[in-house]
Each structure stands twice: as structure tokens, then as C-alpha cells.
Amino acid sequence: MEEAEVPLENLHEHVQHSAEHSGEVWISWVALSTAILAVLAAIAGLLSGKHANEAMMSQIEASDQWNYYQAKSIKASVLDAKMSLASTPDEKDRAKATRYEEEQAEIKTEAERKAGSARENFRRHEILARAVTMFQIAIAIAAISALTKKRRFWLVSLVFGAAGCVFLFLGQYATVAY
């Protein structure tokens, strides 16, 4: 999976240009806030991509464990058939059957742990992708503010930026339940 892309460099440059050529001081604050939002969007995008990759790797490892579990299950079934056909089952076969059961339990636990890790990382990816989206919206609205020279748009962009910060925090630090 790829990291979320933040294609807003042109908007940010336009806001900086407007700030330099405008006589209004608050436009400089718009430029500064968009620079901060762009950095936060980049960080959220990288973290989102990292968790997407981790989710994919954990899912692959879980699938490998389930395949290993199935292989042990097949071996145990073949051994069970062999023991049921024998008039008196061999003690080595019984010990092997017991070992297969123990190994299967361990393999199943590991497979479930890996699958849980994949779900957790994917959930974090989703939350961080929302952060990227909020930051992108905030930057776009800040650009509209600079173009139209209306402060209320800048304030709206700050609200979207704050929402992005909340998603960034939740995606990185909050316990994720799935």
C-alpha cells in the first residue's frame, strides 16, 4: 500500500506569495499556518503509509502461519488415520500426535496475533489517512482565504487543521479497537 499523497505544494506557494505581496498582516499568519499544516500532512502521510505496509506484512505473516497450521493439521490427520488402522498404535505415533496438537495450538495463537496486528495497523492507517485529508482540506481553504482575503475562511481552515491534529494523535497514540 502506498502512503497518502499530499499534492498541495502549489497552493502553499501561492499563499506565501500572497502573504509577501499583501499589506494585511493576517495573511502572513495564513501562510505560516499553511506551512505548518503542510508539514503535519506530510508526517501523517508517512505514518499512514507505514501502518498500511505494516498491516500488509502482518497479514501475509498471518496467512503463512495459517498455512503452517493447515500443514500440521494434515500431518495429524494422516497420523490419526495410520493409528486407527493399526491394531495397537505405536507409542512413538501417540507422542507425535500429542506434539502436533501442541504445535498447532502455538501456531494458531501466533496466526491470531499476527491477524490482530494487521487489523490494528490497518485501522491506524485509516485514521491517519483521515488526518491527511483534513490537512489537505485545511490548506485548500487557507488558500481560498488568501485569494479572497476573507479571514473567516482562514478560521475554517484552522478548524479543519485541528481536526487533522486530532486524527493524527488518535492514529498514532490512541489504543485502536477493531
N, C-alpha and C. Protein backbone atom coordinates (compact mmCIF):
# COMPACT_ATOMS: atom_id res chain seq x y z
N MET A 1 0.84 -1.17 0.00
CA MET A 1 0.00 0.00 0.00
C MET A 1 0.89 1.23 0.00
N GLU A 2 0.41 2.26 -0.63
CA GLU A 2 1.18 3.48 -0.71
C GLU A 2 0.79 4.44 0.39
N GLU A 3 1.72 5.36 0.68
CA GLU A 3 1.38 6.39 1.65
C GLU A 3 0.48 7.42 0.98
N ALA A 4 -0.30 8.10 1.80
CA ALA A 4 -1.21 9.10 1.27
C ALA A 4 -0.39 10.26 0.70
N GLU A 5 -0.76 10.72 -0.46
CA GLU A 5 -0.02 11.77 -1.14
C GLU A 5 -0.61 13.13 -0.80
N VAL A 6 0.25 14.13 -0.68
CA VAL A 6 -0.19 15.47 -0.34
C VAL A 6 0.23 16.43 -1.47
N PRO A 7 -0.59 16.54 -2.52
CA PRO A 7 -0.21 17.36 -3.68
C PRO A 7 -0.65 18.81 -3.55
N LEU A 8 -0.23 19.49 -2.50
CA LEU A 8 -0.69 20.85 -2.27
C LEU A 8 0.44 21.88 -2.25
N GLU A 9 1.58 21.53 -2.81
CA GLU A 9 2.72 22.44 -2.78
C GLU A 9 2.40 23.75 -3.51
N ASN A 10 1.70 23.68 -4.64
CA ASN A 10 1.38 24.90 -5.40
C ASN A 10 0.48 25.83 -4.61
N LEU A 11 -0.49 25.28 -3.91
CA LEU A 11 -1.36 26.12 -3.10
C LEU A 11 -0.56 26.81 -2.00
N HIS A 12 0.32 26.07 -1.36
CA HIS A 12 1.14 26.64 -0.29
C HIS A 12 2.02 27.76 -0.84
N GLU A 13 2.63 27.54 -2.00
CA GLU A 13 3.46 28.58 -2.61
C GLU A 13 2.64 29.82 -2.94
N HIS A 14 1.41 29.61 -3.42
CA HIS A 14 0.55 30.74 -3.76
C HIS A 14 0.20 31.55 -2.51
N VAL A 15 -0.07 30.85 -1.41
CA VAL A 15 -0.40 31.54 -0.16
C VAL A 15 0.81 32.34 0.32
N GLN A 16 2.01 31.77 0.22
CA GLN A 16 3.21 32.52 0.61
C GLN A 16 3.40 33.75 -0.26
N HIS A 17 3.16 33.59 -1.55
CA HIS A 17 3.29 34.72 -2.48
C HIS A 17 2.29 35.82 -2.13
N SER A 18 1.06 35.43 -1.82
CA SER A 18 0.04 36.40 -1.43
C SER A 18 0.43 37.12 -0.15
N ALA A 19 1.02 36.38 0.78
CA ALA A 19 1.43 36.98 2.05
C ALA A 19 2.52 38.02 1.85
N GLU A 20 3.44 37.73 0.93
CA GLU A 20 4.54 38.65 0.66
C GLU A 20 4.08 39.94 -0.01
N HIS A 21 3.05 39.83 -0.85
CA HIS A 21 2.62 40.99 -1.64
C HIS A 21 1.35 41.64 -1.11
N SER A 22 0.90 41.21 0.04
CA SER A 22 -0.31 41.78 0.62
C SER A 22 0.08 42.70 1.76
N GLY A 23 -0.70 43.74 1.95
CA GLY A 23 -0.43 44.66 3.05
C GLY A 23 -1.04 44.20 4.35
N GLU A 24 -1.82 43.12 4.33
CA GLU A 24 -2.51 42.67 5.53
C GLU A 24 -1.65 41.67 6.30
N VAL A 25 -1.52 41.93 7.60
CA VAL A 25 -0.67 41.11 8.45
C VAL A 25 -1.22 39.69 8.63
N TRP A 26 -2.53 39.57 8.70
CA TRP A 26 -3.10 38.25 8.97
C TRP A 26 -2.83 37.26 7.84
N ILE A 27 -2.58 37.77 6.63
CA ILE A 27 -2.25 36.88 5.51
C ILE A 27 -0.93 36.16 5.78
N SER A 28 -0.01 36.84 6.47
CA SER A 28 1.25 36.17 6.84
C SER A 28 0.98 35.01 7.79
N TRP A 29 -0.01 35.18 8.67
CA TRP A 29 -0.39 34.09 9.56
C TRP A 29 -1.02 32.94 8.79
N VAL A 30 -1.73 33.28 7.74
CA VAL A 30 -2.30 32.24 6.88
C VAL A 30 -1.16 31.44 6.24
N ALA A 31 -0.16 32.14 5.76
CA ALA A 31 0.99 31.46 5.14
C ALA A 31 1.71 30.57 6.14
N LEU A 32 1.91 31.08 7.35
CA LEU A 32 2.58 30.29 8.38
C LEU A 32 1.74 29.06 8.75
N SER A 33 0.45 29.26 8.91
CA SER A 33 -0.40 28.12 9.27
C SER A 33 -0.43 27.08 8.17
N THR A 34 -0.43 27.50 6.90
CA THR A 34 -0.42 26.50 5.82
C THR A 34 0.90 25.75 5.77
N ALA A 35 1.99 26.43 6.11
CA ALA A 35 3.29 25.73 6.16
C ALA A 35 3.26 24.66 7.24
N ILE A 36 2.72 25.01 8.39
CA ILE A 36 2.62 24.03 9.49
C ILE A 36 1.69 22.89 9.10
N LEU A 37 0.56 23.22 8.49
CA LEU A 37 -0.38 22.19 8.06
C LEU A 37 0.24 21.26 7.01
N ALA A 38 1.05 21.83 6.12
CA ALA A 38 1.71 21.01 5.10
C ALA A 38 2.69 20.02 5.74
N VAL A 39 3.42 20.48 6.75
CA VAL A 39 4.35 19.59 7.46
C VAL A 39 3.58 18.48 8.17
N LEU A 40 2.50 18.85 8.84
CA LEU A 40 1.69 17.85 9.54
C LEU A 40 1.07 16.86 8.56
N ALA A 41 0.65 17.35 7.39
CA ALA A 41 0.09 16.46 6.37
C ALA A 41 1.14 15.47 5.88
N ALA A 42 2.36 15.96 5.70
CA ALA A 42 3.44 15.07 5.26
C ALA A 42 3.74 14.00 6.32
N ILE A 43 3.78 14.42 7.57
CA ILE A 43 4.03 13.46 8.66
C ILE A 43 2.90 12.43 8.72
N ALA A 44 1.66 12.90 8.66
CA ALA A 44 0.51 11.98 8.70
C ALA A 44 0.54 11.03 7.51
N GLY A 45 0.92 11.54 6.34
CA GLY A 45 1.01 10.70 5.15
C GLY A 45 2.05 9.60 5.30
N LEU A 46 3.21 9.95 5.85
CA LEU A 46 4.25 8.95 6.06
C LEU A 46 3.82 7.90 7.08
N LEU A 47 3.20 8.35 8.17
CA LEU A 47 2.75 7.40 9.18
C LEU A 47 1.64 6.50 8.65
N SER A 48 0.75 7.08 7.86
CA SER A 48 -0.33 6.29 7.25
C SER A 48 0.26 5.20 6.36
N GLY A 49 1.23 5.57 5.54
CA GLY A 49 1.88 4.59 4.66
C GLY A 49 2.60 3.52 5.45
N LYS A 50 3.26 3.92 6.54
CA LYS A 50 3.97 2.96 7.39
C LYS A 50 2.99 1.93 7.96
N HIS A 51 1.87 2.41 8.47
CA HIS A 51 0.90 1.47 9.06
C HIS A 51 0.23 0.61 7.99
N ALA A 52 0.04 1.14 6.80
CA ALA A 52 -0.51 0.33 5.71
C ALA A 52 0.45 -0.80 5.36
N ASN A 53 1.73 -0.48 5.29
CA ASN A 53 2.74 -1.51 4.99
C ASN A 53 2.82 -2.54 6.10
N GLU A 54 2.79 -2.08 7.35
CA GLU A 54 2.83 -3.00 8.48
C GLU A 54 1.61 -3.92 8.48
N ALA A 55 0.45 -3.37 8.14
CA ALA A 55 -0.76 -4.18 8.08
C ALA A 55 -0.63 -5.27 7.03
N MET A 56 -0.10 -4.90 5.87
CA MET A 56 0.06 -5.86 4.80
C MET A 56 1.06 -6.96 5.20
N MET A 57 2.16 -6.57 5.80
CA MET A 57 3.17 -7.56 6.20
C MET A 57 2.62 -8.49 7.28
N SER A 58 1.91 -7.94 8.25
CA SER A 58 1.33 -8.78 9.31
C SER A 58 0.29 -9.74 8.74
N GLN A 59 -0.48 -9.27 7.75
CA GLN A 59 -1.49 -10.15 7.14
C GLN A 59 -0.82 -11.29 6.38
N ILE A 60 0.25 -10.98 5.69
CA ILE A 60 1.00 -12.02 4.97
C ILE A 60 1.56 -13.04 5.96
N GLU A 61 2.13 -12.55 7.07
CA GLU A 61 2.69 -13.45 8.08
C GLU A 61 1.58 -14.29 8.72
N ALA A 62 0.41 -13.69 8.94
CA ALA A 62 -0.71 -14.46 9.50
C ALA A 62 -1.14 -15.56 8.53
N SER A 63 -1.19 -15.23 7.25
CA SER A 63 -1.55 -16.24 6.24
C SER A 63 -0.54 -17.37 6.22
N ASP A 64 0.74 -17.02 6.34
CA ASP A 64 1.78 -18.04 6.40
C ASP A 64 1.56 -18.96 7.60
N GLN A 65 1.23 -18.37 8.73
CA GLN A 65 1.00 -19.17 9.94
C GLN A 65 -0.21 -20.09 9.77
N TRP A 66 -1.27 -19.56 9.15
CA TRP A 66 -2.46 -20.41 8.93
C TRP A 66 -2.13 -21.55 7.97
N ASN A 67 -1.30 -21.30 6.98
CA ASN A 67 -0.88 -22.37 6.07
C ASN A 67 -0.08 -23.43 6.82
N TYR A 68 0.79 -22.98 7.70
CA TYR A 68 1.58 -23.90 8.51
C TYR A 68 0.66 -24.72 9.43
N TYR A 69 -0.33 -24.06 9.98
CA TYR A 69 -1.32 -24.73 10.83
C TYR A 69 -2.04 -25.82 10.04
N GLN A 70 -2.43 -25.51 8.81
CA GLN A 70 -3.11 -26.50 7.95
C GLN A 70 -2.19 -27.68 7.64
N ALA A 71 -0.92 -27.39 7.40
CA ALA A 71 0.02 -28.47 7.12
C ALA A 71 0.14 -29.40 8.32
N LYS A 72 0.23 -28.82 9.52
CA LYS A 72 0.29 -29.64 10.73
C LYS A 72 -1.01 -30.43 10.91
N SER A 73 -2.11 -29.81 10.56
CA SER A 73 -3.41 -30.49 10.67
C SER A 73 -3.46 -31.70 9.73
N ILE A 74 -2.95 -31.52 8.53
CA ILE A 74 -2.93 -32.64 7.57
C ILE A 74 -2.02 -33.76 8.10
N LYS A 75 -0.86 -33.39 8.62
CA LYS A 75 0.04 -34.41 9.18
C LYS A 75 -0.64 -35.15 10.33
N ALA A 76 -1.33 -34.40 11.19
CA ALA A 76 -2.02 -35.02 12.32
C ALA A 76 -3.12 -35.95 11.84
N SER A 77 -3.84 -35.56 10.79
CA SER A 77 -4.91 -36.40 10.24
C SER A 77 -4.36 -37.68 9.64
N VAL A 78 -3.26 -37.57 8.92
CA VAL A 78 -2.64 -38.76 8.34
C VAL A 78 -2.16 -39.69 9.45
N LEU A 79 -1.55 -39.13 10.47
CA LEU A 79 -1.07 -39.93 11.59
C LEU A 79 -2.24 -40.58 12.33
N ASP A 80 -3.32 -39.84 12.50
CA ASP A 80 -4.51 -40.38 13.15
C ASP A 80 -5.09 -41.55 12.35
N ALA A 81 -5.13 -41.40 11.04
CA ALA A 81 -5.62 -42.49 10.18
C ALA A 81 -4.72 -43.72 10.31
N LYS A 82 -3.42 -43.47 10.35
CA LYS A 82 -2.47 -44.57 10.49
C LYS A 82 -2.68 -45.29 11.82
N MET A 83 -2.88 -44.50 12.89
CA MET A 83 -3.06 -45.11 14.21
C MET A 83 -4.40 -45.86 14.31
N SER A 84 -5.42 -45.37 13.64
CA SER A 84 -6.72 -46.04 13.71
C SER A 84 -6.72 -47.34 12.90
N LEU A 85 -5.86 -47.43 11.90
CA LEU A 85 -5.76 -48.67 11.11
C LEU A 85 -4.90 -49.73 11.80
N ALA A 86 -4.02 -49.29 12.66
CA ALA A 86 -3.14 -50.24 13.36
C ALA A 86 -3.92 -50.89 14.49
N SER A 87 -3.64 -52.17 14.73
CA SER A 87 -4.33 -52.87 15.80
C SER A 87 -3.93 -52.30 17.16
N THR A 88 -2.67 -52.01 17.33
CA THR A 88 -2.19 -51.34 18.54
C THR A 88 -1.32 -50.17 18.11
N PRO A 89 -1.76 -48.95 18.37
CA PRO A 89 -0.97 -47.79 17.94
C PRO A 89 0.40 -47.75 18.62
N ASP A 90 1.37 -47.37 17.84
CA ASP A 90 2.75 -47.25 18.29
C ASP A 90 2.87 -46.07 19.27
N GLU A 91 3.69 -46.24 20.30
CA GLU A 91 3.88 -45.18 21.30
C GLU A 91 4.54 -43.94 20.68
N LYS A 92 5.40 -44.16 19.70
CA LYS A 92 6.03 -43.02 19.00
C LYS A 92 4.99 -42.21 18.25
N ASP A 93 4.02 -42.90 17.66
CA ASP A 93 2.94 -42.21 16.94
C ASP A 93 2.07 -41.40 17.88
N ARG A 94 1.78 -41.96 19.05
CA ARG A 94 0.98 -41.22 20.03
C ARG A 94 1.72 -39.95 20.48
N ALA A 95 3.00 -40.09 20.71
CA ALA A 95 3.80 -38.94 21.14
C ALA A 95 3.83 -37.87 20.04
N LYS A 96 3.95 -38.36 18.79
CA LYS A 96 3.94 -37.44 17.65
C LYS A 96 2.61 -36.71 17.54
N ALA A 97 1.51 -37.43 17.74
CA ALA A 97 0.18 -36.84 17.67
C ALA A 97 0.01 -35.76 18.74
N THR A 98 0.49 -36.05 19.93
CA THR A 98 0.43 -35.07 21.02
C THR A 98 1.27 -33.84 20.68
N ARG A 99 2.44 -34.07 20.13
CA ARG A 99 3.31 -32.95 19.73
C ARG A 99 2.65 -32.10 18.65
N TYR A 100 2.00 -32.75 17.67
CA TYR A 100 1.31 -32.00 16.61
C TYR A 100 0.20 -31.11 17.19
N GLU A 101 -0.54 -31.65 18.17
CA GLU A 101 -1.61 -30.86 18.79
C GLU A 101 -1.04 -29.63 19.50
N GLU A 102 0.05 -29.83 20.22
CA GLU A 102 0.68 -28.71 20.93
C GLU A 102 1.21 -27.67 19.94
N GLU A 103 1.84 -28.15 18.88
CA GLU A 103 2.37 -27.22 17.87
C GLU A 103 1.25 -26.46 17.19
N GLN A 104 0.15 -27.15 16.90
CA GLN A 104 -0.99 -26.48 16.26
C GLN A 104 -1.53 -25.36 17.15
N ALA A 105 -1.62 -25.62 18.45
CA ALA A 105 -2.12 -24.60 19.37
C ALA A 105 -1.21 -23.36 19.34
N GLU A 106 0.11 -23.59 19.34
CA GLU A 106 1.06 -22.47 19.29
C GLU A 106 0.95 -21.71 17.96
N ILE A 107 0.85 -22.46 16.88
CA ILE A 107 0.76 -21.85 15.55
C ILE A 107 -0.52 -21.03 15.43
N LYS A 108 -1.62 -21.57 15.95
CA LYS A 108 -2.90 -20.86 15.90
C LYS A 108 -2.83 -19.55 16.68
N THR A 109 -2.23 -19.60 17.86
CA THR A 109 -2.08 -18.40 18.68
C THR A 109 -1.26 -17.33 17.94
N GLU A 110 -0.18 -17.76 17.31
CA GLU A 110 0.67 -16.83 16.56
C GLU A 110 -0.07 -16.25 15.35
N ALA A 111 -0.82 -17.09 14.66
CA ALA A 111 -1.58 -16.62 13.49
C ALA A 111 -2.63 -15.59 13.91
N GLU A 112 -3.31 -15.85 15.01
CA GLU A 112 -4.31 -14.91 15.50
C GLU A 112 -3.67 -13.60 15.95
N ARG A 113 -2.49 -13.68 16.56
CA ARG A 113 -1.77 -12.48 16.99
C ARG A 113 -1.37 -11.63 15.78
N LYS A 114 -0.87 -12.29 14.74
CA LYS A 114 -0.48 -11.57 13.52
C LYS A 114 -1.68 -10.94 12.83
N ALA A 115 -2.80 -11.67 12.80
CA ALA A 115 -4.01 -11.12 12.18
C ALA A 115 -4.51 -9.91 12.97
N GLY A 116 -4.43 -9.98 14.29
CA GLY A 116 -4.82 -8.85 15.12
C GLY A 116 -3.92 -7.64 14.88
N SER A 117 -2.65 -7.89 14.72
CA SER A 117 -1.70 -6.81 14.43
C SER A 117 -2.01 -6.18 13.08
N ALA A 118 -2.37 -7.00 12.11
CA ALA A 118 -2.73 -6.47 10.79
C ALA A 118 -3.96 -5.57 10.89
N ARG A 119 -4.97 -6.02 11.63
CA ARG A 119 -6.19 -5.20 11.80
C ARG A 119 -5.87 -3.88 12.50
N GLU A 120 -5.05 -3.95 13.54
CA GLU A 120 -4.71 -2.73 14.28
C GLU A 120 -3.95 -1.74 13.39
N ASN A 121 -2.98 -2.23 12.64
CA ASN A 121 -2.22 -1.34 11.75
C ASN A 121 -3.09 -0.77 10.64
N PHE A 122 -4.00 -1.58 10.11
CA PHE A 122 -4.87 -1.06 9.06
C PHE A 122 -5.80 0.01 9.61
N ARG A 123 -6.28 -0.19 10.82
CA ARG A 123 -7.15 0.81 11.45
C ARG A 123 -6.38 2.11 11.68
N ARG A 124 -5.15 2.00 12.13
CA ARG A 124 -4.32 3.20 12.31
C ARG A 124 -4.10 3.90 10.96
N HIS A 125 -3.88 3.11 9.93
CA HIS A 125 -3.72 3.67 8.58
C HIS A 125 -4.95 4.48 8.19
N GLU A 126 -6.13 3.91 8.44
CA GLU A 126 -7.37 4.61 8.09
C GLU A 126 -7.51 5.93 8.84
N ILE A 127 -7.20 5.92 10.13
CA ILE A 127 -7.31 7.13 10.93
C ILE A 127 -6.31 8.18 10.45
N LEU A 128 -5.09 7.76 10.17
CA LEU A 128 -4.07 8.70 9.70
C LEU A 128 -4.40 9.22 8.30
N ALA A 129 -5.04 8.40 7.47
CA ALA A 129 -5.47 8.87 6.15
C ALA A 129 -6.51 9.98 6.31
N ARG A 130 -7.36 9.85 7.32
CA ARG A 130 -8.33 10.92 7.60
C ARG A 130 -7.61 12.20 8.01
N ALA A 131 -6.54 12.06 8.78
CA ALA A 131 -5.75 13.24 9.17
C ALA A 131 -5.20 13.93 7.94
N VAL A 132 -4.64 13.16 7.02
CA VAL A 132 -4.11 13.73 5.78
C VAL A 132 -5.20 14.49 5.04
N THR A 133 -6.37 13.89 4.96
CA THR A 133 -7.49 14.53 4.26
C THR A 133 -7.87 15.84 4.93
N MET A 134 -7.95 15.85 6.24
CA MET A 134 -8.30 17.09 6.97
C MET A 134 -7.24 18.17 6.73
N PHE A 135 -5.98 17.78 6.75
CA PHE A 135 -4.92 18.76 6.50
C PHE A 135 -4.99 19.30 5.07
N GLN A 136 -5.28 18.44 4.12
CA GLN A 136 -5.40 18.90 2.73
C GLN A 136 -6.55 19.88 2.57
N ILE A 137 -7.67 19.57 3.19
CA ILE A 137 -8.82 20.47 3.13
C ILE A 137 -8.46 21.80 3.80
N ALA A 138 -7.78 21.73 4.93
CA ALA A 138 -7.40 22.95 5.64
C ALA A 138 -6.49 23.83 4.78
N ILE A 139 -5.54 23.23 4.10
CA ILE A 139 -4.63 24.00 3.25
C ILE A 139 -5.40 24.62 2.09
N ALA A 140 -6.29 23.86 1.49
CA ALA A 140 -7.07 24.39 0.37
C ALA A 140 -7.94 25.57 0.82
N ILE A 141 -8.59 25.46 1.98
CA ILE A 141 -9.43 26.54 2.46
C ILE A 141 -8.58 27.75 2.85
N ALA A 142 -7.39 27.53 3.37
CA ALA A 142 -6.49 28.64 3.68
C ALA A 142 -6.10 29.37 2.39
N ALA A 143 -5.89 28.63 1.32
CA ALA A 143 -5.58 29.25 0.03
C ALA A 143 -6.76 30.09 -0.45
N ILE A 144 -7.96 29.59 -0.27
CA ILE A 144 -9.16 30.36 -0.63
C ILE A 144 -9.21 31.64 0.19
N SER A 145 -8.85 31.53 1.48
CA SER A 145 -8.83 32.69 2.36
C SER A 145 -7.86 33.75 1.84
N ALA A 146 -6.68 33.31 1.43
CA ALA A 146 -5.68 34.25 0.92
C ALA A 146 -6.13 34.88 -0.40
N LEU A 147 -6.77 34.08 -1.25
CA LEU A 147 -7.23 34.59 -2.54
C LEU A 147 -8.37 35.59 -2.39
N THR A 148 -9.31 35.25 -1.52
CA THR A 148 -10.49 36.11 -1.36
C THR A 148 -10.29 37.19 -0.30
N LYS A 149 -9.19 37.07 0.46
CA LYS A 149 -8.87 37.99 1.56
C LYS A 149 -10.00 38.05 2.59
N LYS A 150 -10.52 36.86 2.91
CA LYS A 150 -11.58 36.74 3.92
C LYS A 150 -11.07 35.86 5.06
N ARG A 151 -11.01 36.47 6.23
CA ARG A 151 -10.48 35.78 7.41
C ARG A 151 -11.32 34.58 7.83
N ARG A 152 -12.61 34.64 7.60
CA ARG A 152 -13.46 33.55 8.09
C ARG A 152 -13.08 32.22 7.42
N PHE A 153 -12.60 32.28 6.19
CA PHE A 153 -12.14 31.04 5.55
C PHE A 153 -10.88 30.50 6.24
N TRP A 154 -10.02 31.43 6.66
CA TRP A 154 -8.82 31.00 7.37
C TRP A 154 -9.20 30.33 8.69
N LEU A 155 -10.18 30.88 9.39
CA LEU A 155 -10.62 30.29 10.64
C LEU A 155 -11.22 28.90 10.40
N VAL A 156 -11.95 28.75 9.32
CA VAL A 156 -12.49 27.43 8.96
C VAL A 156 -11.34 26.46 8.67
N SER A 157 -10.31 26.96 7.99
CA SER A 157 -9.17 26.09 7.69
C SER A 157 -8.48 25.66 8.97
N LEU A 158 -8.42 26.54 9.97
CA LEU A 158 -7.82 26.17 11.25
C LEU A 158 -8.64 25.10 11.96
N VAL A 159 -9.95 25.14 11.80
CA VAL A 159 -10.80 24.10 12.39
C VAL A 159 -10.50 22.75 11.73
N PHE A 160 -10.39 22.75 10.41
CA PHE A 160 -10.04 21.51 9.71
C PHE A 160 -8.64 21.04 10.11
N GLY A 161 -7.73 21.98 10.29
CA GLY A 161 -6.38 21.63 10.74
C GLY A 161 -6.40 21.01 12.12
N ALA A 162 -7.24 21.56 13.00
CA ALA A 162 -7.36 20.99 14.35
C ALA A 162 -7.95 19.57 14.28
N ALA A 163 -8.92 19.37 13.40
CA ALA A 163 -9.48 18.03 13.22
C ALA A 163 -8.38 17.07 12.72
N GLY A 164 -7.55 17.56 11.82
CA GLY A 164 -6.44 16.75 11.34
C GLY A 164 -5.48 16.39 12.46
N CYS A 165 -5.23 17.33 13.36
CA CYS A 165 -4.36 17.06 14.51
C CYS A 165 -4.96 16.01 15.42
N VAL A 166 -6.27 16.07 15.61
CA VAL A 166 -6.94 15.06 16.44
C VAL A 166 -6.78 13.68 15.80
N PHE A 167 -7.02 13.58 14.50
CA PHE A 167 -6.86 12.29 13.82
C PHE A 167 -5.40 11.82 13.86
N LEU A 168 -4.47 12.76 13.72
CA LEU A 168 -3.05 12.41 13.78
C LEU A 168 -2.72 11.83 15.15
N PHE A 169 -3.19 12.47 16.19
CA PHE A 169 -2.96 11.97 17.55
C PHE A 169 -3.61 10.60 17.75
N LEU A 170 -4.88 10.48 17.35
CA LEU A 170 -5.58 9.22 17.53
C LEU A 170 -4.93 8.08 16.75
N GLY A 171 -4.50 8.38 15.54
CA GLY A 171 -3.88 7.35 14.70
C GLY A 171 -2.54 6.87 15.22
N GLN A 172 -1.85 7.75 15.92
CA GLN A 172 -0.51 7.38 16.37
C GLN A 172 -0.47 6.91 17.82
N TYR A 173 -1.31 7.50 18.67
CA TYR A 173 -1.15 7.24 20.11
C TYR A 173 -2.32 6.55 20.78
N ALA A 174 -3.51 6.69 20.25
CA ALA A 174 -4.67 6.12 20.92
C ALA A 174 -4.71 4.61 20.71
N THR A 175 -5.27 3.91 21.68
CA THR A 175 -5.46 2.48 21.57
C THR A 175 -6.56 2.24 20.52
N VAL A 176 -6.25 1.38 19.58
CA VAL A 176 -7.18 1.15 18.48
C VAL A 176 -7.92 -0.15 18.74
N ALA A 177 -9.23 -0.04 18.83
CA ALA A 177 -10.07 -1.24 18.98
C ALA A 177 -10.73 -1.53 17.64
N TYR A 178 -10.77 -2.77 17.29
CA TYR A 178 -11.35 -3.14 15.99
C TYR A 178 -12.44 -4.13 16.18
